[in-house]
């Protein structure tokens, strides 16, 4: 916002009410509003407008819409030679929506590269509720009967809004992301939202697009706010992903 202030949302405000994303701060990039709640109705409305929640424990609930936006588009995912070698000999399996709570808990676990976690208890509860309602999904990599990596996010229409991913074994989260990239190539998805840019995501083929373009594409691809149900049949042996 030009006056360096963010809007305050009350839990009693209409769930669809957010300030225009064009009024978000430039620094920190994309900070739009604070307050409100994590109800399914408000969360779904936020994502469809190009907005997502992100805050640390002890902070108020913060809403973001950065410009530019980091996305993965059809044909852009980079499968390295090393990942191809690992996949060809991997006995691991891909499963979808069989262990959502375990995936989000693993994503929330402390990491050496950061202090604390933005996936608070309230966030976990909110996304588990969305999962129970059929909006939030987990893509999981299983090896020897153990969960070794995966990711979670929201599926609305033909857009997957990625939230977080984790790996307990090498390349597990990259393999989960490969599943989504193949859904882009087959038309099951039209866009994968990666939210905040990072060098890691860029190295995998993600790119940045103007926020205005992102919001227009999301509005079109989300349609009438229908659930994403067109998932691949699983389990899939990871070595079979390269033939898809």
C-alpha atoms as a PDB file:
ATOM      1  CA  UNK A   1       0.000   0.000   0.000  1.00  0.00           C
ATOM      2  CA  UNK A   2       1.199   3.502  -0.725  1.00  0.00           C
ATOM      3  CA  UNK A   3       0.676   4.643   2.875  1.00  0.00           C
ATOM      4  CA  UNK A   4       2.572   1.642   4.309  1.00  0.00           C
ATOM      5  CA  UNK A   5      -0.435   0.340   6.191  1.00  0.00           C
ATOM      6  CA  UNK A   6      -2.273  -2.940   5.912  1.00  0.00           C
ATOM      7  CA  UNK A   7      -5.998  -3.429   6.281  1.00  0.00           C
ATOM      8  CA  UNK A   8      -7.336  -5.048   9.433  1.00  0.00           C
ATOM      9  CA  UNK A   9      -9.922  -7.798   8.988  1.00  0.00           C
ATOM     10  CA  UNK A  10     -12.427  -8.694  11.669  1.00  0.00           C
ATOM     11  CA  UNK A  11     -13.599 -12.298  12.067  1.00  0.00           C
ATOM     12  CA  UNK A  12     -17.087 -10.861  11.668  1.00  0.00           C
ATOM     13  CA  UNK A  13     -16.337  -9.309   8.264  1.00  0.00           C
ATOM     14  CA  UNK A  14     -17.792 -11.059   5.205  1.00  0.00           C
ATOM     15  CA  UNK A  15     -15.568 -14.045   4.427  1.00  0.00           C
ATOM     16  CA  UNK A  16     -14.980 -12.905   0.844  1.00  0.00           C
ATOM     17  CA  UNK A  17     -13.883  -9.416   1.905  1.00  0.00           C
ATOM     18  CA  UNK A  18     -10.228  -8.609   1.225  1.00  0.00           C
ATOM     19  CA  UNK A  19      -8.655  -5.368   0.022  1.00  0.00           C
ATOM     20  CA  UNK A  20      -7.612  -5.323  -3.658  1.00  0.00           C
ATOM     21  CA  UNK A  21      -4.328  -7.173  -4.110  1.00  0.00           C
ATOM     22  CA  UNK A  22      -2.959  -4.156  -5.980  1.00  0.00           C
ATOM     23  CA  UNK A  23      -2.829  -2.357  -2.602  1.00  0.00           C
ATOM     24  CA  UNK A  24      -0.389  -4.862  -1.046  1.00  0.00           C
ATOM     25  CA  UNK A  25       2.891  -3.531   0.315  1.00  0.00           C
ATOM     26  CA  UNK A  26       6.026  -3.545  -1.798  1.00  0.00           C
ATOM     27  CA  UNK A  27       8.102  -4.107   1.351  1.00  0.00           C
ATOM     28  CA  UNK A  28       7.605  -6.653   2.732  1.00  0.00           C
ATOM     29  CA  UNK A  29       6.561  -7.813  -0.687  1.00  0.00           C
ATOM     30  CA  UNK A  30       2.893  -8.716  -0.814  1.00  0.00           C
ATOM     31  CA  UNK A  31       1.721  -8.036   2.740  1.00  0.00           C
ATOM     32  CA  UNK A  32      -1.935  -7.162   2.255  1.00  0.00           C
ATOM     33  CA  UNK A  33      -3.975  -7.526   5.440  1.00  0.00           C
ATOM     34  CA  UNK A  34      -4.022  -8.784   9.015  1.00  0.00           C
ATOM     35  CA  UNK A  35      -6.667 -10.405  11.180  1.00  0.00           C
ATOM     36  CA  UNK A  36      -9.764 -12.286  10.140  1.00  0.00           C
ATOM     37  CA  UNK A  37      -9.879 -16.027  10.662  1.00  0.00           C
ATOM     38  CA  UNK A  38      -8.900 -19.351   9.104  1.00  0.00           C
ATOM     39  CA  UNK A  39     -12.424 -20.544   8.351  1.00  0.00           C
ATOM     40  CA  UNK A  40     -12.812 -22.665   5.199  1.00  0.00           C
ATOM     41  CA  UNK A  41     -14.935 -19.961   3.580  1.00  0.00           C
ATOM     42  CA  UNK A  42     -12.348 -17.225   4.115  1.00  0.00           C
ATOM     43  CA  UNK A  43      -9.434 -19.426   3.055  1.00  0.00           C
ATOM     44  CA  UNK A  44     -11.124 -20.527  -0.162  1.00  0.00           C
ATOM     45  CA  UNK A  45     -12.076 -16.946  -0.956  1.00  0.00           C
ATOM     46  CA  UNK A  46      -8.512 -15.795  -0.314  1.00  0.00           C
ATOM     47  CA  UNK A  47      -6.881 -18.346  -2.609  1.00  0.00           C
ATOM     48  CA  UNK A  48      -9.314 -17.605  -5.414  1.00  0.00           C
ATOM     49  CA  UNK A  49      -8.281 -13.936  -5.164  1.00  0.00           C
ATOM     50  CA  UNK A  50      -4.541 -14.727  -5.223  1.00  0.00           C
ATOM     51  CA  UNK A  51      -4.089 -14.335  -1.453  1.00  0.00           C
ATOM     52  CA  UNK A  52      -2.711 -16.749   1.146  1.00  0.00           C
ATOM     53  CA  UNK A  53      -2.055 -16.713   4.927  1.00  0.00           C
ATOM     54  CA  UNK A  54       1.489 -16.797   6.260  1.00  0.00           C
ATOM     55  CA  UNK A  55       2.578 -15.818   9.750  1.00  0.00           C
ATOM     56  CA  UNK A  56       4.727 -16.982  12.654  1.00  0.00           C
ATOM     57  CA  UNK A  57       3.623 -18.055  16.104  1.00  0.00           C
ATOM     58  CA  UNK A  58       2.857 -14.985  18.199  1.00  0.00           C
ATOM     59  CA  UNK A  59       2.069 -12.786  15.178  1.00  0.00           C
ATOM     60  CA  UNK A  60      -1.420 -11.765  14.088  1.00  0.00           C
ATOM     61  CA  UNK A  61      -2.873 -13.655  11.150  1.00  0.00           C
ATOM     62  CA  UNK A  62      -1.236 -12.107   8.057  1.00  0.00           C
ATOM     63  CA  UNK A  63      -2.443 -12.292   4.438  1.00  0.00           C
ATOM     64  CA  UNK A  64      -0.114 -12.006   1.436  1.00  0.00           C
ATOM     65  CA  UNK A  65      -0.218 -11.521  -2.333  1.00  0.00           C
ATOM     66  CA  UNK A  66       3.359 -10.996  -3.594  1.00  0.00           C
ATOM     67  CA  UNK A  67       4.268  -9.448  -6.930  1.00  0.00           C
ATOM     68  CA  UNK A  68       5.617 -11.164  -8.945  1.00  0.00           C
ATOM     69  CA  UNK A  69       4.182 -14.592  -8.145  1.00  0.00           C
ATOM     70  CA  UNK A  70       6.155 -17.830  -8.306  1.00  0.00           C
ATOM     71  CA  UNK A  71       4.442 -20.527 -10.386  1.00  0.00           C
ATOM     72  CA  UNK A  72       5.124 -23.782 -12.180  1.00  0.00           C
ATOM     73  CA  UNK A  73       3.658 -24.103 -15.657  1.00  0.00           C
ATOM     74  CA  UNK A  74       3.196 -26.974 -18.077  1.00  0.00           C
ATOM     75  CA  UNK A  75       6.460 -28.317 -19.494  1.00  0.00           C
ATOM     76  CA  UNK A  76       8.704 -26.234 -17.231  1.00  0.00           C
ATOM     77  CA  UNK A  77       9.540 -28.743 -14.491  1.00  0.00           C
ATOM     78  CA  UNK A  78      13.201 -29.721 -14.693  1.00  0.00           C
ATOM     79  CA  UNK A  79      13.880 -33.408 -14.082  1.00  0.00           C
ATOM     80  CA  UNK A  80      17.622 -33.622 -13.542  1.00  0.00           C
ATOM     81  CA  UNK A  81      19.728 -36.558 -14.724  1.00  0.00           C
ATOM     82  CA  UNK A  82      20.336 -37.476 -11.093  1.00  0.00           C
ATOM     83  CA  UNK A  83      16.607 -37.551 -10.342  1.00  0.00           C
ATOM     84  CA  UNK A  84      15.989 -39.668 -13.446  1.00  0.00           C
ATOM     85  CA  UNK A  85      18.633 -42.167 -12.312  1.00  0.00           C
ATOM     86  CA  UNK A  86      17.123 -42.340  -8.836  1.00  0.00           C
ATOM     87  CA  UNK A  87      13.584 -42.769 -10.156  1.00  0.00           C
ATOM     88  CA  UNK A  88      14.511 -45.596 -12.551  1.00  0.00           C
ATOM     89  CA  UNK A  89      15.711 -47.760  -9.670  1.00  0.00           C
ATOM     90  CA  UNK A  90      13.324 -46.512  -6.974  1.00  0.00           C
ATOM     91  CA  UNK A  91      10.898 -48.999  -5.390  1.00  0.00           C
ATOM     92  CA  UNK A  92       9.074 -46.140  -3.627  1.00  0.00           C
ATOM     93  CA  UNK A  93       5.383 -45.477  -4.196  1.00  0.00           C
ATOM     94  CA  UNK A  94       3.342 -42.344  -4.780  1.00  0.00           C
ATOM     95  CA  UNK A  95       0.065 -42.172  -2.885  1.00  0.00           C
ATOM     96  CA  UNK A  96      -2.442 -39.346  -2.681  1.00  0.00           C
ATOM     97  CA  UNK A  97      -4.506 -38.295   0.327  1.00  0.00           C
ATOM     98  CA  UNK A  98      -3.722 -41.321   2.490  1.00  0.00           C
ATOM     99  CA  UNK A  99      -1.766 -39.526   5.251  1.00  0.00           C
ATOM    100  CA  UNK A 100      -2.583 -35.822   5.136  1.00  0.00           C
ATOM    101  CA  UNK A 101      -2.028 -35.235   8.851  1.00  0.00           C
ATOM    102  CA  UNK A 102       1.359 -36.958   8.741  1.00  0.00           C
ATOM    103  CA  UNK A 103       2.425 -34.854   5.757  1.00  0.00           C
ATOM    104  CA  UNK A 104       1.448 -31.503   7.262  1.00  0.00           C
ATOM    105  CA  UNK A 105       3.049 -32.523  10.582  1.00  0.00           C
ATOM    106  CA  UNK A 106       6.298 -33.383   8.797  1.00  0.00           C
ATOM    107  CA  UNK A 107       6.207 -30.076   6.913  1.00  0.00           C
ATOM    108  CA  UNK A 108       5.756 -28.268  10.249  1.00  0.00           C
ATOM    109  CA  UNK A 109       8.716 -29.996  11.902  1.00  0.00           C
ATOM    110  CA  UNK A 110      11.777 -27.819  12.701  1.00  0.00           C
ATOM    111  CA  UNK A 111      14.398 -27.565   9.955  1.00  0.00           C
ATOM    112  CA  UNK A 112      18.058 -26.694  10.184  1.00  0.00           C
ATOM    113  CA  UNK A 113      17.641 -23.878   7.671  1.00  0.00           C
ATOM    114  CA  UNK A 114      15.039 -21.984   9.710  1.00  0.00           C
ATOM    115  CA  UNK A 115      13.995 -21.162  13.240  1.00  0.00           C
ATOM    116  CA  UNK A 116      10.480 -22.159  14.239  1.00  0.00           C
ATOM    117  CA  UNK A 117       7.695 -22.819  11.750  1.00  0.00           C
ATOM    118  CA  UNK A 118       4.929 -20.827  10.118  1.00  0.00           C
ATOM    119  CA  UNK A 119       2.703 -23.940  10.148  1.00  0.00           C
ATOM    120  CA  UNK A 120       1.193 -23.219  13.542  1.00  0.00           C
ATOM    121  CA  UNK A 121      -1.271 -25.415  15.386  1.00  0.00           C
ATOM    122  CA  UNK A 122      -4.111 -23.203  14.131  1.00  0.00           C
ATOM    123  CA  UNK A 123      -2.872 -23.519  10.542  1.00  0.00           C
ATOM    124  CA  UNK A 124      -2.631 -27.287  10.850  1.00  0.00           C
ATOM    125  CA  UNK A 125      -6.152 -27.479  12.218  1.00  0.00           C
ATOM    126  CA  UNK A 126      -7.510 -25.238   9.452  1.00  0.00           C
ATOM    127  CA  UNK A 127      -5.936 -27.249   6.634  1.00  0.00           C
ATOM    128  CA  UNK A 128      -6.918 -30.564   8.165  1.00  0.00           C
ATOM    129  CA  UNK A 129     -10.476 -29.220   8.153  1.00  0.00           C
ATOM    130  CA  UNK A 130     -10.095 -28.282   4.480  1.00  0.00           C
ATOM    131  CA  UNK A 131      -8.789 -31.771   3.793  1.00  0.00           C
ATOM    132  CA  UNK A 132     -11.818 -33.331   5.483  1.00  0.00           C
ATOM    133  CA  UNK A 133     -13.998 -31.145   3.254  1.00  0.00           C
ATOM    134  CA  UNK A 134     -12.151 -32.289   0.115  1.00  0.00           C
ATOM    135  CA  UNK A 135     -10.209 -29.094  -0.663  1.00  0.00           C
ATOM    136  CA  UNK A 136      -6.736 -29.786   0.758  1.00  0.00           C
ATOM    137  CA  UNK A 137      -4.626 -32.659  -0.554  1.00  0.00           C
ATOM    138  CA  UNK A 138      -1.384 -34.472   0.149  1.00  0.00           C
ATOM    139  CA  UNK A 139       0.932 -36.148  -2.332  1.00  0.00           C
ATOM    140  CA  UNK A 140       3.028 -38.699  -0.491  1.00  0.00           C
ATOM    141  CA  UNK A 141       6.134 -40.754  -1.222  1.00  0.00           C
ATOM    142  CA  UNK A 142       6.264 -44.078   0.610  1.00  0.00           C
ATOM    143  CA  UNK A 143       9.323 -46.292   0.861  1.00  0.00           C
ATOM    144  CA  UNK A 144       9.433 -49.609   2.703  1.00  0.00           C
ATOM    145  CA  UNK A 145       6.067 -48.811   4.260  1.00  0.00           C
ATOM    146  CA  UNK A 146       7.287 -45.484   5.662  1.00  0.00           C
ATOM    147  CA  UNK A 147       6.396 -41.940   4.620  1.00  0.00           C
ATOM    148  CA  UNK A 148       9.613 -40.512   3.182  1.00  0.00           C
ATOM    149  CA  UNK A 149       8.468 -37.204   1.715  1.00  0.00           C
ATOM    150  CA  UNK A 150       5.652 -35.295   0.129  1.00  0.00           C
ATOM    151  CA  UNK A 151       3.773 -32.033  -0.119  1.00  0.00           C
ATOM    152  CA  UNK A 152       0.359 -30.571   0.593  1.00  0.00           C
ATOM    153  CA  UNK A 153      -1.808 -27.753  -0.716  1.00  0.00           C
ATOM    154  CA  UNK A 154      -5.244 -26.777  -1.971  1.00  0.00           C
ATOM    155  CA  UNK A 155      -6.901 -27.881  -5.185  1.00  0.00           C
ATOM    156  CA  UNK A 156      -9.502 -25.465  -6.540  1.00  0.00           C
ATOM    157  CA  UNK A 157     -10.775 -25.960 -10.063  1.00  0.00           C
ATOM    158  CA  UNK A 158      -7.659 -26.578 -12.175  1.00  0.00           C
ATOM    159  CA  UNK A 159      -5.210 -24.811  -9.848  1.00  0.00           C
ATOM    160  CA  UNK A 160      -3.079 -26.429  -7.164  1.00  0.00           C
ATOM    161  CA  UNK A 161      -1.935 -23.974  -4.505  1.00  0.00           C
ATOM    162  CA  UNK A 162       1.185 -25.521  -3.010  1.00  0.00           C
ATOM    163  CA  UNK A 163       1.794 -24.877   0.672  1.00  0.00           C
ATOM    164  CA  UNK A 164       4.822 -26.843   1.832  1.00  0.00           C
ATOM    165  CA  UNK A 165       6.878 -29.958   1.124  1.00  0.00           C
ATOM    166  CA  UNK A 166       9.389 -32.120   2.955  1.00  0.00           C
ATOM    167  CA  UNK A 167      11.893 -34.905   2.321  1.00  0.00           C
ATOM    168  CA  UNK A 168      13.246 -37.514   4.685  1.00  0.00           C
ATOM    169  CA  UNK A 169      15.030 -39.278   1.822  1.00  0.00           C
ATOM    170  CA  UNK A 170      16.796 -37.702  -1.165  1.00  0.00           C
ATOM    171  CA  UNK A 171      14.510 -36.379  -3.930  1.00  0.00           C
ATOM    172  CA  UNK A 172      11.251 -37.396  -2.238  1.00  0.00           C
ATOM    173  CA  UNK A 173       9.665 -33.936  -2.413  1.00  0.00           C
ATOM    174  CA  UNK A 174      10.949 -33.482  -5.976  1.00  0.00           C
ATOM    175  CA  UNK A 175       9.182 -36.706  -6.902  1.00  0.00           C
ATOM    176  CA  UNK A 176       5.940 -35.464  -5.380  1.00  0.00           C
ATOM    177  CA  UNK A 177       6.311 -32.248  -7.365  1.00  0.00           C
ATOM    178  CA  UNK A 178       6.864 -34.304 -10.511  1.00  0.00           C
ATOM    179  CA  UNK A 179       3.376 -35.768 -10.075  1.00  0.00           C
ATOM    180  CA  UNK A 180       1.889 -32.262 -10.138  1.00  0.00           C
ATOM    181  CA  UNK A 181       4.003 -31.279 -13.147  1.00  0.00           C
ATOM    182  CA  UNK A 182       2.631 -34.273 -15.048  1.00  0.00           C
ATOM    183  CA  UNK A 183      -0.889 -33.190 -14.109  1.00  0.00           C
ATOM    184  CA  UNK A 184      -0.049 -29.840 -15.706  1.00  0.00           C
ATOM    185  CA  UNK A 185       1.106 -31.560 -18.878  1.00  0.00           C
ATOM    186  CA  UNK A 186      -2.031 -33.695 -19.147  1.00  0.00           C
ATOM    187  CA  UNK A 187      -4.350 -30.739 -18.523  1.00  0.00           C
ATOM    188  CA  UNK A 188      -5.590 -31.931 -15.151  1.00  0.00           C
ATOM    189  CA  UNK A 189      -4.046 -28.711 -13.840  1.00  0.00           C
ATOM    190  CA  UNK A 190      -3.646 -25.360 -15.546  1.00  0.00           C
ATOM    191  CA  UNK A 191      -1.378 -23.756 -12.976  1.00  0.00           C
ATOM    192  CA  UNK A 192       0.677 -24.656  -9.897  1.00  0.00           C
ATOM    193  CA  UNK A 193       1.060 -21.807  -7.416  1.00  0.00           C
ATOM    194  CA  UNK A 194       4.413 -21.874  -5.582  1.00  0.00           C
ATOM    195  CA  UNK A 195       3.696 -18.605  -3.711  1.00  0.00           C
ATOM    196  CA  UNK A 196       7.080 -17.176  -2.675  1.00  0.00           C
ATOM    197  CA  UNK A 197      10.054 -17.451  -5.006  1.00  0.00           C
ATOM    198  CA  UNK A 198      13.200 -19.312  -3.931  1.00  0.00           C
ATOM    199  CA  UNK A 199      16.349 -20.367  -5.739  1.00  0.00           C
ATOM    200  CA  UNK A 200      15.404 -23.992  -5.104  1.00  0.00           C
ATOM    201  CA  UNK A 201      12.064 -23.604  -6.884  1.00  0.00           C
ATOM    202  CA  UNK A 202      13.653 -21.678  -9.755  1.00  0.00           C
ATOM    203  CA  UNK A 203      16.208 -24.473 -10.195  1.00  0.00           C
ATOM    204  CA  UNK A 204      13.319 -26.918 -10.614  1.00  0.00           C
ATOM    205  CA  UNK A 205      11.749 -24.865 -13.402  1.00  0.00           C
ATOM    206  CA  UNK A 206       9.457 -22.481 -11.549  1.00  0.00           C
ATOM    207  CA  UNK A 207       9.166 -18.942 -12.880  1.00  0.00           C
ATOM    208  CA  UNK A 208       7.837 -15.566 -11.824  1.00  0.00           C
ATOM    209  CA  UNK A 209       4.836 -13.910 -13.448  1.00  0.00           C
ATOM    210  CA  UNK A 210       3.215 -10.535 -12.709  1.00  0.00           C
ATOM    211  CA  UNK A 211       0.631 -10.695  -9.951  1.00  0.00           C
ATOM    212  CA  UNK A 212      -2.037  -9.232 -12.223  1.00  0.00           C
ATOM    213  CA  UNK A 213      -1.512 -12.077 -14.716  1.00  0.00           C
ATOM    214  CA  UNK A 214      -1.567 -14.628 -11.916  1.00  0.00           C
ATOM    215  CA  UNK A 215      -4.852 -13.325 -10.499  1.00  0.00           C
ATOM    216  CA  UNK A 216      -6.474 -13.354 -13.962  1.00  0.00           C
ATOM    217  CA  UNK A 217      -5.355 -16.917 -14.625  1.00  0.00           C
ATOM    218  CA  UNK A 218      -6.456 -18.120 -11.196  1.00  0.00           C
ATOM    219  CA  UNK A 219      -9.892 -16.585 -11.622  1.00  0.00           C
ATOM    220  CA  UNK A 220     -10.312 -18.404 -14.934  1.00  0.00           C
ATOM    221  CA  UNK A 221      -8.848 -21.751 -13.843  1.00  0.00           C
ATOM    222  CA  UNK A 222     -10.671 -21.900 -10.496  1.00  0.00           C
ATOM    223  CA  UNK A 223     -13.998 -21.516 -12.268  1.00  0.00           C
ATOM    224  CA  UNK A 224     -16.952 -21.797  -9.934  1.00  0.00           C
ATOM    225  CA  UNK A 225     -14.834 -22.923  -6.990  1.00  0.00           C
ATOM    226  CA  UNK A 226     -15.105 -26.630  -7.725  1.00  0.00           C
ATOM    227  CA  UNK A 227     -13.037 -29.256  -5.954  1.00  0.00           C
ATOM    228  CA  UNK A 228     -10.070 -30.803  -7.730  1.00  0.00           C
ATOM    229  CA  UNK A 229     -11.001 -34.467  -8.064  1.00  0.00           C
ATOM    230  CA  UNK A 230      -9.184 -35.517 -11.248  1.00  0.00           C
ATOM    231  CA  UNK A 231      -6.233 -37.193  -9.550  1.00  0.00           C
ATOM    232  CA  UNK A 232      -4.085 -39.984 -11.028  1.00  0.00           C
ATOM    233  CA  UNK A 233      -4.851 -43.490  -9.853  1.00  0.00           C
ATOM    234  CA  UNK A 234      -2.448 -44.459  -7.079  1.00  0.00           C
ATOM    235  CA  UNK A 235      -0.340 -46.065  -5.776  1.00  0.00           C
ATOM    236  CA  UNK A 236       2.218 -45.485  -8.534  1.00  0.00           C
ATOM    237  CA  UNK A 237       5.666 -47.048  -8.414  1.00  0.00           C
ATOM    238  CA  UNK A 238       8.035 -44.104  -8.741  1.00  0.00           C
ATOM    239  CA  UNK A 239      10.044 -45.811 -11.482  1.00  0.00           C
ATOM    240  CA  UNK A 240       6.892 -45.692 -13.610  1.00  0.00           C
ATOM    241  CA  UNK A 241       6.618 -41.903 -13.450  1.00  0.00           C
ATOM    242  CA  UNK A 242       9.210 -41.435 -16.179  1.00  0.00           C
ATOM    243  CA  UNK A 243       7.015 -43.272 -18.689  1.00  0.00           C
ATOM    244  CA  UNK A 244       4.053 -40.936 -18.148  1.00  0.00           C
END
